[in-house]
């Protein structure tokens, strides 16, 4: 769910919070649905590290932007 921390599992079940690989601070997680798949951005407030995942696969920023651009405005 957009703007919520956690991994988006159903029924409120959550795993341990994701931690920054650089400084081990809890990451802020934002999830959006892009063409039926979860696009997740994780951001560290301390060191400004960011990472993106699409359908569970880690991707780079350029691919995240491409996916959003290709599917913006589409309804499923």
Foldseek 3Di string as FASTA:
>chain_A
DFFDFADPDPPPDGDPADADPPPRHGWGWGWDAQPNWIWIWTADPPPGDIWIATNRHTDDPVVVVVRCVVRPPDDD
